[in-house]
N, C-alpha and C. Protein backbone atom coordinates (compact mmCIF):
# COMPACT_ATOMS: atom_id res chain seq x y z
N MET A 1 0.84 -1.17 0.00
CA MET A 1 0.00 0.00 0.00
C MET A 1 0.89 1.24 0.00
N ARG A 2 0.52 2.18 -0.81
CA ARG A 2 1.30 3.42 -0.90
C ARG A 2 0.90 4.43 0.17
N GLY A 3 -0.38 4.43 0.54
CA GLY A 3 -0.83 5.39 1.54
C GLY A 3 -2.34 5.31 1.72
N SER A 4 -2.83 6.08 2.69
CA SER A 4 -4.27 6.13 2.93
C SER A 4 -4.62 7.48 3.52
N ARG A 5 -5.92 7.81 3.46
CA ARG A 5 -6.40 9.03 4.10
C ARG A 5 -7.80 8.81 4.61
N LEU A 6 -8.11 9.43 5.71
CA LEU A 6 -9.44 9.38 6.30
C LEU A 6 -10.35 10.27 5.48
N VAL A 7 -11.48 9.71 5.03
CA VAL A 7 -12.41 10.47 4.20
C VAL A 7 -13.56 11.01 5.04
N ALA A 8 -14.11 10.16 5.93
CA ALA A 8 -15.27 10.60 6.73
C ALA A 8 -15.44 9.72 7.96
N PHE A 9 -16.12 10.24 8.95
CA PHE A 9 -16.54 9.51 10.15
C PHE A 9 -15.37 8.95 10.96
N GLY A 10 -14.33 9.74 11.13
CA GLY A 10 -13.16 9.31 11.88
C GLY A 10 -13.47 8.88 13.30
N ASP A 11 -14.53 9.43 13.89
CA ASP A 11 -14.91 9.08 15.25
C ASP A 11 -15.46 7.66 15.37
N LEU A 12 -15.70 7.00 14.24
CA LEU A 12 -16.24 5.64 14.25
C LEU A 12 -15.16 4.56 14.27
N GLY A 13 -13.90 4.96 14.36
CA GLY A 13 -12.82 3.99 14.42
C GLY A 13 -12.72 3.17 13.15
N MET A 14 -12.75 1.81 13.29
CA MET A 14 -12.57 0.97 12.10
C MET A 14 -13.77 1.00 11.15
N GLU A 15 -14.86 1.62 11.55
CA GLU A 15 -16.02 1.77 10.67
C GLU A 15 -15.94 3.05 9.85
N ALA A 16 -14.91 3.86 10.08
CA ALA A 16 -14.72 5.10 9.33
C ALA A 16 -14.47 4.79 7.85
N ILE A 17 -14.63 5.80 7.03
CA ILE A 17 -14.40 5.63 5.60
C ILE A 17 -13.00 6.13 5.27
N HIS A 18 -12.20 5.25 4.66
CA HIS A 18 -10.83 5.58 4.28
C HIS A 18 -10.67 5.42 2.78
N GLU A 19 -9.72 6.15 2.23
CA GLU A 19 -9.33 5.99 0.83
C GLU A 19 -7.91 5.42 0.84
N PHE A 20 -7.69 4.36 0.08
CA PHE A 20 -6.39 3.72 0.04
C PHE A 20 -5.77 3.87 -1.34
N ASP A 21 -4.49 4.12 -1.38
CA ASP A 21 -3.73 4.19 -2.62
C ASP A 21 -2.85 2.94 -2.67
N VAL A 22 -3.21 2.01 -3.55
CA VAL A 22 -2.49 0.74 -3.62
C VAL A 22 -1.99 0.50 -5.05
N LYS A 23 -1.03 -0.41 -5.17
CA LYS A 23 -0.50 -0.78 -6.48
C LYS A 23 -0.43 -2.30 -6.55
N ASP A 24 -0.89 -2.86 -7.67
CA ASP A 24 -0.82 -4.30 -7.93
C ASP A 24 -1.46 -5.13 -6.83
N MET A 25 -2.69 -4.77 -6.45
CA MET A 25 -3.39 -5.53 -5.42
C MET A 25 -4.83 -5.76 -5.87
N PRO A 26 -5.17 -7.01 -6.21
CA PRO A 26 -6.56 -7.29 -6.58
C PRO A 26 -7.46 -7.12 -5.37
N VAL A 27 -8.66 -6.60 -5.59
CA VAL A 27 -9.58 -6.32 -4.50
C VAL A 27 -10.96 -6.88 -4.82
N THR A 28 -11.60 -7.46 -3.82
CA THR A 28 -12.98 -7.89 -3.92
C THR A 28 -13.77 -7.19 -2.83
N VAL A 29 -14.84 -6.51 -3.22
CA VAL A 29 -15.71 -5.88 -2.22
C VAL A 29 -16.66 -6.95 -1.74
N ALA A 30 -16.58 -7.26 -0.44
CA ALA A 30 -17.32 -8.40 0.10
C ALA A 30 -18.70 -8.03 0.64
N VAL A 31 -18.95 -6.76 0.94
CA VAL A 31 -20.24 -6.35 1.50
C VAL A 31 -20.72 -5.13 0.72
N ASP A 32 -21.97 -5.21 0.25
CA ASP A 32 -22.51 -4.07 -0.50
C ASP A 32 -23.16 -3.05 0.44
N ALA A 33 -23.72 -1.99 -0.12
CA ALA A 33 -24.29 -0.89 0.67
C ALA A 33 -25.50 -1.32 1.50
N LYS A 34 -26.11 -2.44 1.16
CA LYS A 34 -27.25 -2.94 1.92
C LYS A 34 -26.84 -3.93 2.99
N GLY A 35 -25.54 -4.22 3.10
CA GLY A 35 -25.05 -5.16 4.11
C GLY A 35 -25.02 -6.60 3.65
N THR A 36 -25.29 -6.84 2.37
CA THR A 36 -25.27 -8.20 1.84
C THR A 36 -23.82 -8.63 1.64
N SER A 37 -23.46 -9.78 2.19
CA SER A 37 -22.08 -10.27 2.13
C SER A 37 -21.92 -11.34 1.06
N VAL A 38 -20.91 -11.19 0.21
CA VAL A 38 -20.61 -12.18 -0.80
C VAL A 38 -20.17 -13.50 -0.15
N HIS A 39 -19.69 -13.43 1.09
CA HIS A 39 -19.28 -14.64 1.79
C HIS A 39 -20.50 -15.49 2.17
N VAL A 40 -21.68 -14.91 2.16
CA VAL A 40 -22.93 -15.64 2.41
C VAL A 40 -23.60 -15.99 1.09
N THR A 41 -23.76 -15.00 0.22
CA THR A 41 -24.48 -15.23 -1.03
C THR A 41 -23.70 -16.10 -2.02
N GLY A 42 -22.37 -15.97 -2.04
CA GLY A 42 -21.55 -16.73 -2.98
C GLY A 42 -21.66 -18.23 -2.81
N PRO A 43 -21.36 -18.76 -1.61
CA PRO A 43 -21.47 -20.21 -1.42
C PRO A 43 -22.90 -20.72 -1.66
N ALA A 44 -23.90 -19.96 -1.24
CA ALA A 44 -25.29 -20.39 -1.45
C ALA A 44 -25.61 -20.47 -2.93
N GLU A 45 -25.16 -19.48 -3.70
CA GLU A 45 -25.41 -19.48 -5.15
C GLU A 45 -24.71 -20.65 -5.83
N TRP A 46 -23.44 -20.90 -5.48
CA TRP A 46 -22.69 -21.96 -6.14
C TRP A 46 -23.18 -23.34 -5.72
N GLN A 47 -23.64 -23.50 -4.50
CA GLN A 47 -24.23 -24.80 -4.11
C GLN A 47 -25.44 -25.09 -4.98
N GLN A 48 -26.24 -24.06 -5.24
CA GLN A 48 -27.43 -24.21 -6.08
C GLN A 48 -27.01 -24.51 -7.53
N ARG A 49 -26.03 -23.83 -8.04
CA ARG A 49 -25.58 -24.02 -9.42
C ARG A 49 -25.01 -25.42 -9.67
N ILE A 50 -24.26 -25.95 -8.72
CA ILE A 50 -23.59 -27.24 -8.95
C ILE A 50 -24.39 -28.44 -8.44
N ALA A 51 -25.56 -28.18 -7.86
CA ALA A 51 -26.36 -29.26 -7.28
C ALA A 51 -26.70 -30.36 -8.29
N GLY A 52 -26.92 -30.01 -9.53
CA GLY A 52 -27.33 -30.98 -10.53
C GLY A 52 -26.18 -31.65 -11.27
N ILE A 53 -24.95 -31.31 -10.97
CA ILE A 53 -23.80 -31.89 -11.65
C ILE A 53 -23.46 -33.24 -11.02
N PRO A 54 -23.46 -34.29 -11.81
CA PRO A 54 -23.15 -35.61 -11.23
C PRO A 54 -21.68 -35.71 -10.79
N ILE A 55 -21.47 -36.43 -9.73
CA ILE A 55 -20.12 -36.65 -9.22
C ILE A 55 -19.57 -37.92 -9.82
N LEU A 56 -18.43 -37.83 -10.49
CA LEU A 56 -17.81 -39.01 -11.12
C LEU A 56 -16.84 -39.65 -10.13
N GLN A 57 -16.95 -40.96 -10.03
CA GLN A 57 -16.04 -41.68 -9.13
C GLN A 57 -15.34 -42.79 -9.84
């Protein structure tokens, strides 16, 4: 990371909004503005998608 700056709500500690300046770092946003987490929706979606695929043994 090259640097960061506080954008808003500094009094909220780790819930504050920060801007980060990074280089060569892939990022995934895990929670959207409504609080929906990809860590919950992702596994549920993929379990549904692969449910019909037969398992070869």
